[in-house]
Structures are given as C-alpha cells and as structure tokens.
C-alpha cells in the first residue's frame, strides 16, 4: 500500500509515523505466518531439511515482527522523569534482541544440518513439492523486503530497515534452499542439507550484524565523519562563534544528539553568549533534521587550557574583600565585572555618580586600589568607569 508519506521522508512528529510502522509490521506478520506454515508442512511432507530450516527462519521473523510491534508502541512514549531523553532506544534494544534471535536460530540450523550430513545414506529423497514451495517463498520474501525497505527509509527507522534486510536475507536463503532442493532432485542427496547449512550461516551473519550495530549505538558511538564535519561547519559559521574546540555526537534510534563547546568573544555579556548558543542550536536543528537536540556550552577559552590556568585565581568575594578598604567613606562600586583570561583576572569597576568627578578623590581611589591589587598579583588589570547620568527609560 503506497501513500504520499511513503514516497518521502516522514517527519518525526508526524502522527502517521506510528501507524505506518504498525501497518508494515502487520503485513510482515501475515506473510510470515503463511510462509512458516507452508514451509514447515511442505518440508515435512517432502522430506526437505532445507525447507524446514527456511520455515524456522520465517518463524524467527515472526518473533522479530512482534518485537518490532512492541518497540514501535513503546518507543513513541514521551520523555519522563526516569527517561529524560525519551524511549527511542527501545528500538535499539529490540534490534539487538532481533539480532540475537537470528544468530541463535542460524546456529541451531547449522547444527541440525551438520548432524544430518554425517549420515547421507539415511537421507530420504526430496519431493518436487518442496521446490515449488521454496520458489513461492522466495517471491513473497523479496516483495516483502522491497515494501518494508521503502517504508523504513521514509521513516528513517533503523529497526524497520533492519527488519527489511532481514526479509532480504530470507529471500536469499529461500534461493539457496531452492537450489539445494533442485540439486537433490537431480540426484545429489547432500545438496538439501548443504543448503540448510548455508542458510544457517547467512542467518548467523545477519543476526551478528544487527546485534553489533545495536551495541554500537548503546555504547554511544558517534556519527559518521561526514555527518560530524557537516555539523561542525554549521556551528563554526554561526555569527558570534569564534571557534569550536569540542564536538560530541551519538545516536538514539532514528535521532541524533549533539554536544558542542564553542568559544565566543570573552567580553560579551552572559545574555549575549546565551543568545549565540541558542542561535547555534537552532541552526544545527534546522540544517540537520535527524538531530533531536543540541547542547551548546559557551567558553571564552579552550576548556582544558582555561581550567588549568584559572586554578587558584581569586573569586569575586575575595576580590571585593581586598578592595573594600579602598572605598572607605565612599559608596562602593555599582558593578564589578571580572574576566578570567589567560590565567589572570581583568577587573572592571563601575563607580557610582555619587563619588563625583573630583580628580583628587579619583586619584586617591586609584592609588588605594592599585595598592590593594598589588597584594593580588594574578589580577592583571583594573578598569574604572564612572556613571555620569542615567537616561530615563534605558535602565
């Protein structure tokens, strides 16, 4: 069934997303129920171990389909106190479980077929019905693969895409089984069991790939180099960002999370730095639809260098205590702005208008402050500013 949503990428907040996931999975359930019954029954009647193995493969698909339905239902749940990032990784856990089931199923098939190959003389001939059943299964699984892959890519759902390629592996295994059955019918009695072994290895490989990809996401493996470079370029091109010195990414099912440390002009206000961070976040979200959230940390210097250099520097309270005697008998500064740069402190003091413009008072104040600062060698400079007047309505 095709819809307009099937032809293009579906937005993550589209209400039809969950409905599409359920619809395609129920189609897969129906196909696998019919195939499991047909392959197992026909395999038993026709004495085809390969067809029975393929039927068990279809049964594992059925189990995986129900895992997908469970994950699709719960992964859409909103974030809560216990899961502040949402429940999207339920899809990842389901993909891991799917891979584990496939690997175990394949290993069981290999073991069973290997035992049968130890006594070829006891293998009964395969009936032609097995060949026609294998061909029918091949056609059904290939069609299911194409349908599921199209929908999975439109939803950008790793879980659906994994399930689609699982269906493709089923089609390949049905092809191998068909060839093995044909070989058996031509007199090569071992061909059917060999086909079962090959199918088993194919299933193990596919399951291992799915499980490994899920593990990579669960351990917060970053995005591809190309994706990271693209995000990096958007960030460094943001007005107000002077440099980017740390960028971390990770996946959460069909979404991505980004953490960035950017440097801005060290003398901009806190509110302007916050605005630059918000602008950076917005630009990344708008340019990369797969990114769910961006955390931007604003720095004035490289974090590592700055943290090491700022160790032992006086804080605001300590600096005010040292400067307090200099303002004896005078109103204290209205505002103190501190810049921690290059392992030193730069201080800016805004003097109240009440101090007046008497050069003698200002000169004494400067000398007293300079004497106080001599006790704090890590303070590299001090700038005194005096409020002249306040314009009505501007403050």
Protein backbone atom coordinates (compact mmCIF):
# COMPACT_ATOMS: atom_id res chain seq x y z
CA UNK A 1 0.00 0.00 0.00
CA UNK A 2 1.50 3.31 -1.03
CA UNK A 3 0.81 6.76 0.36
CA UNK A 4 2.28 10.18 -0.13
CA UNK A 5 4.20 9.62 3.09
CA UNK A 6 5.81 6.51 1.66
CA UNK A 7 7.50 8.47 -1.11
CA UNK A 8 9.40 10.98 1.01
CA UNK A 9 10.91 11.22 4.44
CA UNK A 10 8.25 11.35 7.14
CA UNK A 11 8.74 13.93 9.90
CA UNK A 12 9.48 12.52 13.34
CA UNK A 13 6.46 14.23 14.85
CA UNK A 14 4.10 13.11 12.06
CA UNK A 15 1.13 11.35 13.73
CA UNK A 16 1.08 8.81 10.89
CA UNK A 17 4.58 7.59 11.72
CA UNK A 18 3.44 5.08 14.33
CA UNK A 19 0.53 3.96 12.14
CA UNK A 20 2.87 3.30 9.20
CA UNK A 21 5.23 1.29 11.40
CA UNK A 22 2.37 -0.85 12.66
CA UNK A 23 0.88 -1.31 9.20
CA UNK A 24 4.07 -2.54 7.56
CA UNK A 25 4.84 -4.82 10.51
CA UNK A 26 1.39 -6.42 10.45
CA UNK A 27 1.84 -7.08 6.73
CA UNK A 28 5.12 -8.81 7.59
CA UNK A 29 3.38 -10.80 10.34
CA UNK A 30 0.72 -12.06 7.92
CA UNK A 31 3.27 -13.05 5.27
CA UNK A 32 5.49 -14.85 7.80
CA UNK A 33 2.58 -16.73 9.38
CA UNK A 34 1.56 -18.08 5.98
CA UNK A 35 5.14 -18.88 4.95
CA UNK A 36 6.03 -20.57 8.24
CA UNK A 37 3.07 -22.90 7.99
CA UNK A 38 3.56 -23.62 4.28
CA UNK A 39 7.33 -24.23 4.50
CA UNK A 40 7.30 -26.42 7.62
CA UNK A 41 4.35 -28.55 6.45
CA UNK A 42 5.71 -28.87 2.91
CA UNK A 43 9.21 -29.59 4.26
CA UNK A 44 7.95 -32.43 6.44
CA UNK A 45 5.80 -33.94 3.68
CA UNK A 46 8.50 -33.54 1.01
CA UNK A 47 11.38 -34.64 3.34
CA UNK A 48 13.29 -31.36 2.78
CA UNK A 49 15.51 -30.31 5.66
CA UNK A 50 16.42 -27.12 3.83
CA UNK A 51 12.78 -26.11 3.50
CA UNK A 52 12.14 -26.85 7.18
CA UNK A 53 15.16 -24.70 8.08
CA UNK A 54 13.78 -21.91 5.92
CA UNK A 55 10.44 -22.31 7.68
CA UNK A 56 12.14 -21.94 11.06
CA UNK A 57 13.81 -18.84 9.66
CA UNK A 58 10.36 -17.47 8.83
CA UNK A 59 9.25 -18.35 12.36
CA UNK A 60 12.13 -16.29 13.75
CA UNK A 61 10.92 -13.46 11.51
CA UNK A 62 7.53 -13.75 13.14
CA UNK A 63 9.05 -13.41 16.61
CA UNK A 64 11.03 -10.40 15.39
CA UNK A 65 7.88 -8.81 13.96
CA UNK A 66 6.25 -8.91 17.38
CA UNK A 67 9.40 -7.39 18.88
CA UNK A 68 9.11 -4.57 16.35
CA UNK A 69 5.45 -4.01 17.24
CA UNK A 70 6.32 -3.87 20.93
CA UNK A 71 9.21 -1.46 20.36
CA UNK A 72 7.21 0.74 17.98
CA UNK A 73 4.44 1.05 20.55
CA UNK A 74 6.67 1.98 23.49
CA UNK A 75 9.44 3.96 21.76
CA UNK A 76 6.98 6.73 20.92
CA UNK A 77 6.24 7.35 24.61
CA UNK A 78 7.21 10.89 25.68
CA UNK A 79 10.12 11.64 27.99
CA UNK A 80 9.50 11.27 31.71
CA UNK A 81 11.41 11.65 34.97
CA UNK A 82 13.07 8.24 34.59
CA UNK A 83 13.76 8.63 30.86
CA UNK A 84 14.55 12.33 30.25
CA UNK A 85 15.72 11.61 26.70
CA UNK A 86 12.58 9.67 25.80
CA UNK A 87 12.13 5.98 24.98
CA UNK A 88 13.58 5.85 21.46
CA UNK A 89 16.30 3.39 22.45
CA UNK A 90 13.66 0.73 22.97
CA UNK A 91 14.02 0.39 19.19
CA UNK A 92 17.75 -0.17 19.64
CA UNK A 93 17.18 -2.80 22.31
CA UNK A 94 14.67 -4.52 20.02
CA UNK A 95 17.22 -4.51 17.19
CA UNK A 96 19.75 -6.18 19.49
CA UNK A 97 17.20 -8.81 20.54
CA UNK A 98 16.30 -9.36 16.89
CA UNK A 99 19.96 -9.94 16.03
CA UNK A 100 20.45 -12.34 18.93
CA UNK A 101 17.39 -14.39 17.91
CA UNK A 102 18.65 -14.61 14.34
CA UNK A 103 22.14 -15.69 15.40
CA UNK A 104 20.79 -18.42 17.70
CA UNK A 105 18.33 -19.64 15.05
CA UNK A 106 21.09 -19.85 12.46
CA UNK A 107 23.39 -21.72 14.84
CA UNK A 108 20.64 -24.27 15.53
CA UNK A 109 20.04 -24.82 11.82
CA UNK A 110 23.78 -25.34 11.18
CA UNK A 111 23.99 -27.87 13.99
CA UNK A 112 20.96 -29.85 12.82
CA UNK A 113 22.06 -29.92 9.17
CA UNK A 114 25.61 -30.83 10.14
CA UNK A 115 24.37 -33.85 12.06
CA UNK A 116 22.33 -34.99 9.05
CA UNK A 117 25.36 -34.69 6.77
CA UNK A 118 27.16 -37.25 8.93
CA UNK A 119 24.84 -39.99 7.58
CA UNK A 120 24.00 -39.21 3.95
CA UNK A 121 22.80 -42.75 3.26
CA UNK A 122 19.87 -42.23 5.63
CA UNK A 123 18.63 -39.07 3.89
CA UNK A 124 15.32 -39.65 2.06
CA UNK A 125 14.76 -38.19 -1.43
CA UNK A 126 13.05 -34.80 -1.61
CA UNK A 127 9.64 -34.48 -3.32
CA UNK A 128 9.14 -31.85 -6.11
CA UNK A 129 6.55 -30.04 -3.96
CA UNK A 130 9.42 -28.68 -1.87
CA UNK A 131 10.91 -26.88 -4.89
CA UNK A 132 7.67 -25.09 -5.77
CA UNK A 133 7.17 -24.06 -2.14
CA UNK A 134 10.71 -22.65 -1.98
CA UNK A 135 10.14 -20.62 -5.17
CA UNK A 136 6.87 -19.24 -3.79
CA UNK A 137 8.61 -18.27 -0.54
CA UNK A 138 11.40 -16.58 -2.50
CA UNK A 139 8.94 -14.37 -4.39
CA UNK A 140 6.96 -13.48 -1.26
CA UNK A 141 10.04 -12.53 0.77
CA UNK A 142 11.57 -10.40 -1.97
CA UNK A 143 8.33 -8.47 -2.33
CA UNK A 144 8.12 -8.01 1.44
CA UNK A 145 11.72 -6.74 1.52
CA UNK A 146 11.09 -4.03 -1.07
CA UNK A 147 7.94 -2.83 0.68
CA UNK A 148 9.47 -2.73 4.16
CA UNK A 149 12.68 -1.04 3.00
CA UNK A 150 10.78 1.76 1.26
CA UNK A 151 8.71 2.49 4.36
CA UNK A 152 11.69 2.11 6.73
CA UNK A 153 13.76 4.61 4.75
CA UNK A 154 10.88 7.09 4.61
CA UNK A 155 10.60 6.86 8.41
CA UNK A 156 14.38 6.72 8.98
CA UNK A 157 13.74 3.82 11.33
CA UNK A 158 16.81 1.59 11.87
CA UNK A 159 14.52 -1.03 13.35
CA UNK A 160 12.29 -1.25 10.24
CA UNK A 161 15.28 -1.10 7.90
CA UNK A 162 16.93 -3.94 9.85
CA UNK A 163 13.74 -5.96 9.59
CA UNK A 164 13.57 -5.24 5.86
CA UNK A 165 17.10 -6.53 5.26
CA UNK A 166 16.18 -9.49 7.41
CA UNK A 167 13.45 -10.19 4.86
CA UNK A 168 16.03 -9.86 2.06
CA UNK A 169 18.24 -12.42 3.83
CA UNK A 170 15.16 -14.65 3.97
CA UNK A 171 14.75 -14.29 0.22
CA UNK A 172 18.41 -15.18 -0.30
CA UNK A 173 18.05 -18.18 1.98
CA UNK A 174 14.97 -19.32 0.05
CA UNK A 175 17.01 -19.07 -3.15
CA UNK A 176 19.75 -21.24 -1.62
CA UNK A 177 17.12 -23.74 -0.45
CA UNK A 178 15.55 -23.85 -3.91
CA UNK A 179 18.95 -24.57 -5.47
CA UNK A 180 19.65 -27.26 -2.86
CA UNK A 181 16.30 -28.92 -3.43
CA UNK A 182 16.86 -28.83 -7.19
CA UNK A 183 20.24 -30.49 -6.65
CA UNK A 184 18.64 -33.18 -4.52
CA UNK A 185 16.03 -33.82 -7.20
CA UNK A 186 18.87 -34.22 -9.72
CA UNK A 187 20.43 -36.96 -7.58
CA UNK A 188 22.77 -35.01 -5.28
CA UNK A 189 21.21 -36.12 -1.98
CA UNK A 190 23.54 -33.99 0.13
CA UNK A 191 22.53 -30.74 -1.63
CA UNK A 192 19.44 -30.13 0.51
CA UNK A 193 21.38 -30.42 3.80
CA UNK A 194 24.23 -28.30 2.43
CA UNK A 195 21.65 -25.65 1.53
CA UNK A 196 20.40 -25.76 5.13
CA UNK A 197 23.95 -25.18 6.43
CA UNK A 198 24.43 -22.23 4.06
CA UNK A 199 21.12 -20.73 5.17
CA UNK A 200 22.21 -21.15 8.79
CA UNK A 201 25.44 -19.23 8.21
CA UNK A 202 23.56 -16.47 6.39
CA UNK A 203 21.19 -16.11 9.32
CA UNK A 204 24.05 -16.05 11.86
CA UNK A 205 25.87 -13.36 9.89
CA UNK A 206 22.79 -11.15 9.55
CA UNK A 207 21.97 -11.51 13.25
CA UNK A 208 25.53 -10.66 14.25
CA UNK A 209 25.48 -7.51 12.12
CA UNK A 210 22.18 -6.31 13.61
CA UNK A 211 23.29 -7.01 17.18
CA UNK A 212 26.66 -5.30 16.66
CA UNK A 213 25.05 -2.16 15.20
CA UNK A 214 22.70 -2.01 18.20
CA UNK A 215 25.63 -2.39 20.60
CA UNK A 216 27.47 0.43 18.81
CA UNK A 217 24.52 2.72 19.46
CA UNK A 218 24.09 1.61 23.07
CA UNK A 219 27.73 2.48 23.82
CA UNK A 220 27.22 5.94 22.26
CA UNK A 221 29.29 5.53 19.11
CA UNK A 222 29.44 8.87 17.29
CA UNK A 223 28.02 9.78 13.92
CA UNK A 224 29.96 9.26 10.71
CA UNK A 225 32.86 11.55 9.85
CA UNK A 226 30.82 13.13 7.06
CA UNK A 227 27.89 13.91 9.37
CA UNK A 228 30.16 15.32 12.08
CA UNK A 229 32.01 17.52 9.57
CA UNK A 230 28.71 18.86 8.26
CA UNK A 231 27.50 19.74 11.77
CA UNK A 232 30.89 21.26 12.60
CA UNK A 233 30.71 23.57 9.59
CA UNK A 234 27.25 24.83 10.55
CA UNK A 235 28.48 25.63 14.07
CA UNK A 236 31.66 27.49 13.09
CA UNK A 237 29.69 29.52 10.53
CA UNK A 238 27.32 30.80 13.23
CA UNK A 239 27.74 34.56 13.85
CA UNK A 240 29.41 35.16 17.20
CA UNK A 241 31.17 31.78 17.35
CA UNK A 242 34.92 32.35 17.20
CA UNK A 243 35.91 28.67 17.34
CA UNK A 244 34.72 25.16 18.12
CA UNK A 245 37.04 23.04 20.25
CA UNK A 246 34.87 20.06 21.20
CA UNK A 247 32.05 18.29 19.35
CA UNK A 248 30.46 15.06 20.52
CA UNK A 249 27.65 13.14 18.83
CA UNK A 250 25.66 9.98 19.49
CA UNK A 251 22.63 8.21 18.14
CA UNK A 252 19.32 7.42 19.77
CA UNK A 253 17.38 5.12 17.40
CA UNK A 254 16.41 7.30 14.42
CA UNK A 255 17.61 10.55 16.04
CA UNK A 256 20.98 12.06 16.93
CA UNK A 257 22.19 14.09 19.92
CA UNK A 258 24.95 16.72 19.68
CA UNK A 259 27.13 18.34 22.38
CA UNK A 260 29.28 21.29 21.33
CA UNK A 261 31.76 23.56 23.13
CA UNK A 262 32.13 26.90 21.35
CA UNK A 263 34.29 29.92 22.08
CA UNK A 264 32.89 33.45 21.92
CA UNK A 265 34.34 36.91 22.48
CA UNK A 266 35.39 36.84 26.16
CA UNK A 267 33.95 40.30 26.79
CA UNK A 268 30.40 39.79 25.57
CA UNK A 269 27.68 39.69 28.21
CA UNK A 270 26.28 36.45 29.60
CA UNK A 271 22.97 37.11 27.86
CA UNK A 272 24.68 37.64 24.51
CA UNK A 273 26.70 34.46 24.97
CA UNK A 274 23.45 32.63 25.69
CA UNK A 275 21.90 34.10 22.56
CA UNK A 276 24.85 32.89 20.47
CA UNK A 277 24.41 29.41 21.96
CA UNK A 278 20.69 29.40 21.14
CA UNK A 279 21.39 30.59 17.61
CA UNK A 280 23.94 27.79 17.19
CA UNK A 281 21.46 25.21 18.45
CA UNK A 282 18.71 26.47 16.15
CA UNK A 283 20.95 26.43 13.06
CA UNK A 284 22.03 22.83 13.65
CA UNK A 285 18.46 21.65 14.22
CA UNK A 286 17.24 23.40 11.08
CA UNK A 287 20.03 22.10 8.86
CA UNK A 288 20.06 18.50 10.15
CA UNK A 289 16.58 17.05 10.51
CA UNK A 290 17.89 13.83 12.11
CA UNK A 291 19.31 15.77 15.09
CA UNK A 292 16.90 15.71 18.04
CA UNK A 293 18.75 18.06 20.40
CA UNK A 294 21.89 20.17 20.60
CA UNK A 295 23.60 21.13 23.86
CA UNK A 296 25.88 24.15 23.38
CA UNK A 297 28.41 25.02 26.08
CA UNK A 298 29.83 28.55 25.80
CA UNK A 299 33.52 29.11 26.60
CA UNK A 300 35.83 32.08 26.36
CA UNK A 301 38.93 29.88 26.00
CA UNK A 302 39.65 26.24 25.35
CA UNK A 303 38.21 24.32 28.32
CA UNK A 304 41.34 22.35 29.15
CA UNK A 305 43.71 25.31 28.97
CA UNK A 306 41.29 27.60 30.78
CA UNK A 307 40.57 25.20 33.66
CA UNK A 308 44.27 24.62 34.30
CA UNK A 309 45.16 28.31 34.07
CA UNK A 310 42.29 29.55 36.27
CA UNK A 311 43.21 27.31 39.20
CA UNK A 312 43.99 29.46 42.24
CA UNK A 313 42.65 32.71 40.82
CA UNK A 314 40.71 34.90 43.29
CA UNK A 315 36.95 34.72 43.05
CA UNK A 316 34.53 37.64 43.24
CA UNK A 317 34.09 37.61 47.03
CA UNK A 318 37.84 37.50 47.65
CA UNK A 319 38.46 40.40 45.27
CA UNK A 320 35.72 42.53 46.85
CA UNK A 321 37.17 41.94 50.33
CA UNK A 322 40.58 43.18 49.18
CA UNK A 323 39.12 46.28 47.53
CA UNK A 324 36.67 47.22 50.31
CA UNK A 325 39.15 49.32 52.37
CA UNK A 326 39.88 51.46 49.31
CA UNK A 327 36.27 52.61 49.30
CA UNK A 328 36.26 53.60 53.00
CA UNK A 329 33.94 56.58 53.35
CA UNK A 330 32.85 56.30 49.72
CA UNK A 331 29.97 54.47 48.06
CA UNK A 332 31.05 51.06 46.83
CA UNK A 333 31.16 50.17 43.13
CA UNK A 334 27.79 49.63 41.50
CA UNK A 335 29.04 46.78 39.39
CA UNK A 336 32.12 44.61 39.18
CA UNK A 337 32.81 42.64 36.01
CA UNK A 338 35.55 40.01 36.10
CA UNK A 339 37.22 38.39 33.10
CA UNK A 340 39.22 35.22 33.75
CA UNK A 341 41.54 35.10 30.75
CA UNK A 342 44.97 33.64 30.12
CA UNK A 343 45.46 32.62 33.74
CA UNK A 344 44.88 36.17 35.03
CA UNK A 345 41.91 38.29 36.13
CA UNK A 346 40.85 41.52 34.46
CA UNK A 347 38.51 43.62 36.60
CA UNK A 348 36.12 46.37 35.53
CA UNK A 349 34.52 48.57 38.20
CA UNK A 350 31.57 50.88 37.60
CA UNK A 351 31.76 53.72 40.10
CA UNK A 352 28.57 55.44 41.22
CA UNK A 353 27.89 59.04 40.21
CA UNK A 354 27.83 59.96 43.90
CA UNK A 355 31.63 59.77 44.05
CA UNK A 356 31.68 62.83 41.84
CA UNK A 357 34.26 63.98 39.35
CA UNK A 358 36.78 65.44 41.83
CA UNK A 359 40.17 64.47 40.35
CA UNK A 360 41.75 64.42 43.82
CA UNK A 361 39.22 61.87 45.09
CA UNK A 362 39.55 59.78 41.97
CA UNK A 363 43.36 59.90 42.10
CA UNK A 364 43.39 58.76 45.73
CA UNK A 365 40.93 56.00 44.91
CA UNK A 366 43.07 54.78 42.03
CA UNK A 367 46.20 54.73 44.20
CA UNK A 368 44.44 52.87 47.02
CA UNK A 369 43.00 50.31 44.61
CA UNK A 370 46.40 49.85 42.95
CA UNK A 371 47.97 49.20 46.35
CA UNK A 372 45.31 46.65 47.15
CA UNK A 373 45.75 44.93 43.80
CA UNK A 374 49.49 44.62 44.42
CA UNK A 375 48.55 42.01 47.00
CA UNK A 376 46.79 40.08 44.22
CA UNK A 377 49.43 39.60 41.50
CA UNK A 378 47.06 37.41 39.48
CA UNK A 379 44.90 40.47 38.74
CA UNK A 380 46.41 41.74 35.51
CA UNK A 381 44.42 44.94 35.03
CA UNK A 382 41.73 47.14 36.51
CA UNK A 383 39.45 49.49 34.62
CA UNK A 384 37.49 52.20 36.47
CA UNK A 385 34.33 53.52 34.86
CA UNK A 386 32.08 56.16 36.37
CA UNK A 387 28.36 56.55 35.78
CA UNK A 388 27.64 60.12 34.65
CA UNK A 389 23.86 60.04 34.34
CA UNK A 390 21.11 57.58 33.64
CA UNK A 391 18.81 58.21 30.68
CA UNK A 392 15.16 57.83 31.57
CA UNK A 393 13.69 54.53 30.46
CA UNK A 394 17.00 52.95 29.44
CA UNK A 395 17.69 51.08 32.66
